[in-house]
């Protein structure tokens, strides 16, 4: 009998979106950026590849300094992570003892539940209303850590800003605001870090900076919080290639801002087109939309699209079991998606 911790045995584990092993799919299921980063970010990669026998910078100094120029905070207040998921885990291990409470919304990013269970912490879920929005602040006095994503998946909308401020103000523990999708919207929560001494903002370069394959993320907070989180961070948690490409990407803000606007334009067209095809579709501040077909079960739609080599995300979960989440792809990819949906609708 293996000595596996009870909390691990009792956790089903996080289920990521399918990653097909062939290239003939239109992949709209994992919220990756459909556009490549500029080729110039690879110009100095050869020099770094020559150094792979050496450990990378353990604290990602060059990367954090590049992020500092974009985020507007001193680099000492920025912690680099192996994707923003690493930042979530570091925060959990820094602020929460096993048996203490972590709070988050329902529904939200499902990884929050997985890592909390594996850590052996208690979970307090706070339901959103029928439109997946907040009716009030997230009040949970016993929570040592509150995970709150804005924009919040799977809806993709920013949460009520005043309610979030009240959440931070009343929290007795730490509030981590997950901004994985924020670059596809018109607002952010930088001011919260300055207003409240218990706030962390996490960012990722997976979506907006087209580096999902590199796993680069950040935690931004007060110096006091970052110093404690840095003790928990795995040594050498970012390899030298990830550090180099991440730092290079920050030098091309105009390029990426153009991509973000392109995604937003395509997103708006996708929403309008789906509504015209008899879908109920929420507005979105992210690079995906949550949509419910009114003429077919969402699970069946997912399967039929997959048969035709179009992947979207289906969650067999309460409250969202009749929705699919669709990543905003290129215009050509969205055209193909809509073409297949029209065919399926005509056949139904």
Protein backbone atom coordinates (compact mmCIF):
# COMPACT_ATOMS: atom_id res chain seq x y z
CA UNK A 1 0.00 0.00 0.00
CA UNK A 2 1.55 3.29 -1.10
CA UNK A 3 1.67 6.03 1.56
CA UNK A 4 -0.28 8.55 -0.50
CA UNK A 5 -1.74 11.52 1.35
CA UNK A 6 -5.51 11.36 1.75
CA UNK A 7 -6.01 14.76 0.14
CA UNK A 8 -4.15 13.58 -2.97
CA UNK A 9 -6.06 10.31 -3.24
CA UNK A 10 -9.33 12.19 -2.93
CA UNK A 11 -8.50 14.68 -5.69
CA UNK A 12 -9.41 13.83 -9.26
CA UNK A 13 -6.75 16.18 -10.61
CA UNK A 14 -6.91 19.06 -13.04
CA UNK A 15 -8.13 18.18 -16.54
CA UNK A 16 -6.50 20.45 -19.14
CA UNK A 17 -7.92 21.03 -22.59
CA UNK A 18 -7.15 18.41 -25.19
CA UNK A 19 -3.85 18.82 -27.03
CA UNK A 20 -4.22 16.89 -30.31
CA UNK A 21 -1.19 15.06 -31.64
CA UNK A 22 -1.93 16.00 -35.23
CA UNK A 23 -2.02 19.42 -36.90
CA UNK A 24 -5.26 19.04 -38.84
CA UNK A 25 -7.50 20.44 -36.10
CA UNK A 26 -8.78 23.96 -35.71
CA UNK A 27 -7.86 24.34 -32.07
CA UNK A 28 -10.23 26.64 -30.19
CA UNK A 29 -10.26 24.86 -26.83
CA UNK A 30 -7.36 26.10 -24.68
CA UNK A 31 -7.33 29.92 -25.03
CA UNK A 32 -3.96 30.09 -26.73
CA UNK A 33 -3.14 33.14 -28.83
CA UNK A 34 -3.77 32.35 -32.51
CA UNK A 35 -0.95 34.65 -33.63
CA UNK A 36 2.78 34.01 -33.34
CA UNK A 37 5.11 36.41 -31.55
CA UNK A 38 7.42 38.53 -33.73
CA UNK A 39 10.30 36.56 -35.19
CA UNK A 40 12.77 39.07 -33.71
CA UNK A 41 12.32 37.59 -30.21
CA UNK A 42 14.37 34.60 -31.36
CA UNK A 43 17.36 36.65 -32.62
CA UNK A 44 19.58 36.14 -29.56
CA UNK A 45 18.41 32.66 -28.71
CA UNK A 46 21.47 30.93 -30.14
CA UNK A 47 23.70 32.49 -27.48
CA UNK A 48 21.42 31.22 -24.74
CA UNK A 49 21.30 27.74 -26.24
CA UNK A 50 25.10 27.59 -25.98
CA UNK A 51 24.73 28.04 -22.21
CA UNK A 52 22.30 25.22 -21.51
CA UNK A 53 24.90 23.36 -19.45
CA UNK A 54 24.68 26.25 -16.96
CA UNK A 55 21.81 26.96 -14.59
CA UNK A 56 19.66 29.95 -15.53
CA UNK A 57 19.40 33.08 -13.40
CA UNK A 58 17.56 31.73 -10.34
CA UNK A 59 15.54 34.94 -9.84
CA UNK A 60 14.93 35.85 -13.51
CA UNK A 61 16.39 39.33 -13.08
CA UNK A 62 16.40 40.42 -16.73
CA UNK A 63 12.86 39.16 -17.22
CA UNK A 64 11.57 40.90 -14.09
CA UNK A 65 13.24 44.17 -15.09
CA UNK A 66 11.60 43.95 -18.51
CA UNK A 67 8.24 43.28 -16.85
CA UNK A 68 8.85 46.25 -14.54
CA UNK A 69 9.03 48.58 -17.52
CA UNK A 70 5.64 47.37 -18.76
CA UNK A 71 3.81 46.87 -15.47
CA UNK A 72 5.04 50.05 -13.81
CA UNK A 73 6.24 48.46 -10.55
CA UNK A 74 9.79 48.10 -9.26
CA UNK A 75 11.23 44.75 -10.31
CA UNK A 76 11.75 43.89 -6.64
CA UNK A 77 7.95 43.74 -6.33
CA UNK A 78 7.68 41.22 -9.18
CA UNK A 79 8.07 37.46 -8.78
CA UNK A 80 8.58 35.36 -11.93
CA UNK A 81 6.84 32.01 -12.14
CA UNK A 82 6.64 28.97 -14.37
CA UNK A 83 3.38 30.27 -15.77
CA UNK A 84 0.87 32.07 -13.55
CA UNK A 85 -0.22 28.63 -12.25
CA UNK A 86 3.14 28.56 -10.47
CA UNK A 87 2.26 31.87 -8.80
CA UNK A 88 -1.05 30.39 -7.59
CA UNK A 89 0.78 27.44 -6.03
CA UNK A 90 3.43 29.65 -4.47
CA UNK A 91 0.75 31.85 -2.89
CA UNK A 92 -1.08 28.81 -1.56
CA UNK A 93 2.07 27.38 0.02
CA UNK A 94 3.09 30.76 1.41
CA UNK A 95 -0.12 31.84 3.12
CA UNK A 96 -2.22 28.75 3.84
CA UNK A 97 -1.55 25.92 6.26
CA UNK A 98 -3.20 22.55 5.54
CA UNK A 99 -6.62 22.62 7.17
CA UNK A 100 -7.04 26.38 6.74
CA UNK A 101 -9.50 27.92 4.29
CA UNK A 102 -9.17 29.07 0.68
CA UNK A 103 -12.13 30.82 -0.98
CA UNK A 104 -13.03 31.29 -4.62
CA UNK A 105 -16.05 31.68 -6.85
CA UNK A 106 -18.25 29.06 -8.44
CA UNK A 107 -17.77 28.77 -11.33
CA UNK A 108 -14.21 29.91 -11.94
CA UNK A 109 -10.83 28.52 -13.03
CA UNK A 110 -11.00 24.88 -11.96
CA UNK A 111 -7.31 24.68 -11.04
CA UNK A 112 -8.02 26.66 -7.86
CA UNK A 113 -10.00 23.72 -6.50
CA UNK A 114 -7.42 21.13 -7.55
CA UNK A 115 -4.39 22.78 -5.99
CA UNK A 116 -6.29 23.66 -2.83
CA UNK A 117 -7.41 20.05 -2.33
CA UNK A 118 -3.92 18.68 -2.99
CA UNK A 119 -2.53 21.15 -0.46
CA UNK A 120 -4.94 19.80 2.15
CA UNK A 121 -6.73 23.10 2.70
CA UNK A 122 -10.46 23.59 3.20
CA UNK A 123 -12.51 25.15 0.41
CA UNK A 124 -15.21 27.79 0.63
CA UNK A 125 -16.95 28.42 -2.69
CA UNK A 126 -18.99 31.55 -3.23
CA UNK A 127 -21.62 31.18 -5.98
CA UNK A 128 -22.06 33.79 -8.66
CA UNK A 129 -25.58 34.76 -9.71
CA UNK A 130 -27.52 33.33 -12.66
CA UNK A 131 -25.46 35.49 -15.03
CA UNK A 132 -22.19 34.27 -13.46
CA UNK A 133 -21.62 37.70 -11.92
CA UNK A 134 -21.15 39.00 -8.38
CA UNK A 135 -24.14 40.21 -6.39
CA UNK A 136 -21.93 41.34 -3.52
CA UNK A 137 -18.30 41.30 -2.31
CA UNK A 138 -16.59 37.97 -1.57
CA UNK A 139 -16.78 37.95 2.21
CA UNK A 140 -15.10 35.00 3.92
CA UNK A 141 -13.45 36.02 7.21
CA UNK A 142 -11.89 32.58 7.74
CA UNK A 143 -10.13 32.55 4.34
CA UNK A 144 -6.36 32.88 4.48
CA UNK A 145 -6.35 33.23 0.68
CA UNK A 146 -9.00 34.28 -1.82
CA UNK A 147 -8.48 33.44 -5.49
CA UNK A 148 -10.46 35.76 -7.75
CA UNK A 149 -10.06 35.93 -11.52
CA UNK A 150 -11.03 39.05 -13.43
CA UNK A 151 -11.94 38.48 -16.23
CA UNK A 152 -13.42 35.37 -14.64
CA UNK A 153 -13.61 32.12 -16.59
CA UNK A 154 -15.60 30.49 -17.98
CA UNK A 155 -17.70 33.62 -18.54
CA UNK A 156 -14.81 35.88 -19.50
CA UNK A 157 -16.21 39.07 -17.97
CA UNK A 158 -14.59 41.39 -15.45
CA UNK A 159 -16.11 41.18 -12.00
CA UNK A 160 -17.82 44.16 -10.41
CA UNK A 161 -14.98 46.52 -9.53
CA UNK A 162 -16.56 48.01 -6.42
CA UNK A 163 -17.33 44.55 -5.06
CA UNK A 164 -13.71 43.55 -5.65
CA UNK A 165 -12.47 46.61 -3.79
CA UNK A 166 -14.74 45.76 -0.88
CA UNK A 167 -13.47 42.17 -1.01
CA UNK A 168 -9.87 43.36 -0.63
CA UNK A 169 -10.81 45.85 2.06
CA UNK A 170 -12.66 43.33 4.22
CA UNK A 171 -10.44 40.28 3.67
CA UNK A 172 -8.50 39.11 6.71
CA UNK A 173 -6.17 37.11 4.47
CA UNK A 174 -4.53 37.62 1.08
CA UNK A 175 -6.50 38.30 -2.12
CA UNK A 176 -4.92 37.09 -5.37
CA UNK A 177 -6.45 38.72 -8.45
CA UNK A 178 -5.79 36.47 -11.45
CA UNK A 179 -5.49 38.64 -14.57
CA UNK A 180 -4.70 35.91 -17.09
CA UNK A 181 -6.95 37.51 -19.74
CA UNK A 182 -6.73 41.17 -18.82
CA UNK A 183 -4.88 42.37 -21.93
CA UNK A 184 -7.97 41.66 -24.03
CA UNK A 185 -9.97 44.18 -21.99
CA UNK A 186 -9.98 47.88 -21.11
CA UNK A 187 -9.19 47.63 -17.40
CA UNK A 188 -6.78 46.14 -14.88
CA UNK A 189 -6.31 46.10 -11.11
CA UNK A 190 -2.85 47.63 -10.63
CA UNK A 191 -4.26 50.28 -8.30
CA UNK A 192 -5.44 47.57 -5.90
CA UNK A 193 -1.82 46.70 -5.09
CA UNK A 194 -1.18 50.31 -4.09
CA UNK A 195 -4.43 50.66 -2.13
CA UNK A 196 -4.38 47.40 -0.17
CA UNK A 197 -1.43 45.66 1.49
CA UNK A 198 -2.96 42.18 1.10
CA UNK A 199 -3.33 42.04 -2.71
CA UNK A 200 -1.36 40.06 -5.29
CA UNK A 201 -2.00 40.40 -9.02
CA UNK A 202 -0.94 37.47 -11.19
CA UNK A 203 -0.18 37.75 -14.90
CA UNK A 204 0.75 35.28 -17.62
CA UNK A 205 2.47 35.58 -20.99
CA UNK A 206 0.68 32.47 -22.29
CA UNK A 207 -2.33 34.23 -23.80
CA UNK A 208 -1.60 37.81 -24.75
CA UNK A 209 2.12 37.35 -25.48
CA UNK A 210 1.83 34.07 -27.44
CA UNK A 211 4.15 32.15 -25.10
CA UNK A 212 1.89 29.35 -23.85
CA UNK A 213 4.62 26.83 -24.67
CA UNK A 214 7.19 28.66 -22.55
CA UNK A 215 5.26 28.97 -19.25
CA UNK A 216 6.05 32.50 -18.07
CA UNK A 217 4.02 34.18 -15.36
CA UNK A 218 4.32 36.84 -12.68
CA UNK A 219 3.10 37.76 -9.25
CA UNK A 220 3.08 41.48 -8.47
CA UNK A 221 2.53 42.75 -4.94
CA UNK A 222 4.10 44.65 -2.06
CA UNK A 223 7.75 44.03 -1.33
CA UNK A 224 6.80 42.38 1.98
CA UNK A 225 4.58 39.80 0.26
CA UNK A 226 7.00 39.12 -2.61
CA UNK A 227 9.87 38.54 -0.16
CA UNK A 228 7.88 35.81 1.59
CA UNK A 229 6.69 34.20 -1.65
CA UNK A 230 10.25 34.14 -2.93
CA UNK A 231 11.17 31.78 -0.08
CA UNK A 232 8.63 29.26 -1.38
CA UNK A 233 9.49 29.56 -5.08
CA UNK A 234 11.29 26.57 -6.54
CA UNK A 235 14.92 27.36 -7.27
CA UNK A 236 15.58 27.93 -11.00
CA UNK A 237 11.83 27.84 -11.66
CA UNK A 238 12.18 29.37 -15.15
CA UNK A 239 14.63 27.98 -17.68
CA UNK A 240 16.92 30.35 -19.56
CA UNK A 241 14.96 30.06 -22.83
CA UNK A 242 11.69 31.05 -21.17
CA UNK A 243 13.41 33.97 -19.43
CA UNK A 244 14.99 35.18 -22.67
CA UNK A 245 11.87 34.95 -24.83
CA UNK A 246 9.72 36.53 -22.13
CA UNK A 247 12.05 39.49 -21.75
CA UNK A 248 12.29 39.87 -25.51
CA UNK A 249 8.50 39.89 -25.95
CA UNK A 250 8.18 42.88 -23.64
CA UNK A 251 10.19 44.92 -26.16
CA UNK A 252 7.40 44.61 -28.73
CA UNK A 253 4.42 46.17 -26.99
CA UNK A 254 3.08 47.85 -30.13
CA UNK A 255 3.10 44.53 -31.96
CA UNK A 256 1.22 42.73 -29.22
CA UNK A 257 -1.26 45.54 -28.68
CA UNK A 258 -2.14 45.18 -32.35
CA UNK A 259 -2.73 41.46 -31.83
CA UNK A 260 -4.91 42.10 -28.77
CA UNK A 261 -7.06 44.50 -30.79
CA UNK A 262 -7.32 42.00 -33.63
CA UNK A 263 -8.51 39.32 -31.19
CA UNK A 264 -11.07 41.72 -29.74
CA UNK A 265 -12.42 42.57 -33.19
CA UNK A 266 -12.73 38.89 -34.09
CA UNK A 267 -14.31 38.16 -30.70
CA UNK A 268 -17.04 40.71 -31.31
CA UNK A 269 -17.74 39.26 -34.74
CA UNK A 270 -17.88 35.76 -33.26
CA UNK A 271 -20.39 36.81 -30.61
CA UNK A 272 -22.66 38.48 -33.16
CA UNK A 273 -22.45 35.55 -35.57
CA UNK A 274 -23.23 32.96 -32.87
CA UNK A 275 -26.24 34.94 -31.72
CA UNK A 276 -27.47 34.99 -35.30
CA UNK A 277 -27.11 31.19 -35.28
CA UNK A 278 -29.43 30.87 -32.28
CA UNK A 279 -26.85 30.71 -29.51
CA UNK A 280 -27.13 32.41 -26.18
CA UNK A 281 -23.75 34.14 -25.84
CA UNK A 282 -22.37 36.22 -23.01
CA UNK A 283 -20.34 39.32 -23.72
CA UNK A 284 -16.62 38.79 -23.04
CA UNK A 285 -13.55 40.73 -21.91
CA UNK A 286 -11.26 37.77 -22.65
CA UNK A 287 -9.99 35.86 -25.68
CA UNK A 288 -12.86 33.37 -25.49
CA UNK A 289 -16.65 33.34 -25.34
CA UNK A 290 -19.11 31.20 -23.41
CA UNK A 291 -22.02 30.14 -25.60
CA UNK A 292 -25.07 27.92 -25.28
CA UNK A 293 -26.69 26.52 -28.45
CA UNK A 294 -30.48 26.66 -28.29
CA UNK A 295 -31.07 23.94 -30.92
CA UNK A 296 -28.69 21.18 -29.81
CA UNK A 297 -27.17 19.96 -26.55
CA UNK A 298 -23.76 21.51 -25.93
CA UNK A 299 -22.18 18.10 -25.38
CA UNK A 300 -23.47 16.92 -28.75
CA UNK A 301 -22.28 20.09 -30.45
CA UNK A 302 -18.82 19.58 -28.96
CA UNK A 303 -18.70 16.00 -30.28
CA UNK A 304 -19.96 16.89 -33.75
CA UNK A 305 -17.47 19.74 -34.06
CA UNK A 306 -14.66 17.45 -33.00
CA UNK A 307 -15.68 14.91 -35.64
CA UNK A 308 -15.16 17.70 -38.15
CA UNK A 309 -11.74 18.58 -36.73
CA UNK A 310 -12.86 21.68 -34.80
CA UNK A 311 -12.03 21.61 -31.09
CA UNK A 312 -13.90 23.72 -28.54
CA UNK A 313 -14.03 23.21 -24.76
CA UNK A 314 -16.89 21.42 -23.06
CA UNK A 315 -17.18 21.22 -19.28
CA UNK A 316 -19.44 18.53 -17.87
CA UNK A 317 -20.07 20.55 -14.74
CA UNK A 318 -23.14 21.91 -12.97
CA UNK A 319 -24.39 25.29 -14.23
CA UNK A 320 -22.31 25.21 -17.43
CA UNK A 321 -23.15 21.76 -18.79
CA UNK A 322 -25.07 23.25 -21.70
CA UNK A 323 -22.37 25.70 -22.73
CA UNK A 324 -19.23 25.47 -24.81
CA UNK A 325 -16.24 27.75 -24.40
CA UNK A 326 -14.76 28.90 -27.68
CA UNK A 327 -11.31 30.45 -27.98
CA UNK A 328 -11.05 33.37 -30.38
CA UNK A 329 -8.91 32.14 -33.25
CA UNK A 330 -7.82 33.76 -36.48
CA UNK A 331 -10.53 35.08 -38.79
CA UNK A 332 -10.04 32.06 -41.04
CA UNK A 333 -10.43 29.66 -38.09
CA UNK A 334 -13.57 31.41 -36.89
CA UNK A 335 -14.97 31.36 -40.44
CA UNK A 336 -14.48 27.59 -40.52
CA UNK A 337 -16.09 27.17 -37.09
CA UNK A 338 -19.14 29.16 -38.15
CA UNK A 339 -19.35 27.29 -41.44
CA UNK A 340 -19.44 23.93 -39.64
CA UNK A 341 -22.00 25.19 -37.11
CA UNK A 342 -24.26 26.38 -39.95
CA UNK A 343 -24.02 22.93 -41.55
CA UNK A 344 -24.90 21.24 -38.28
CA UNK A 345 -27.81 23.57 -37.67
CA UNK A 346 -29.20 22.91 -41.14
CA UNK A 347 -28.93 19.17 -40.48
CA UNK A 348 -30.72 19.36 -37.13
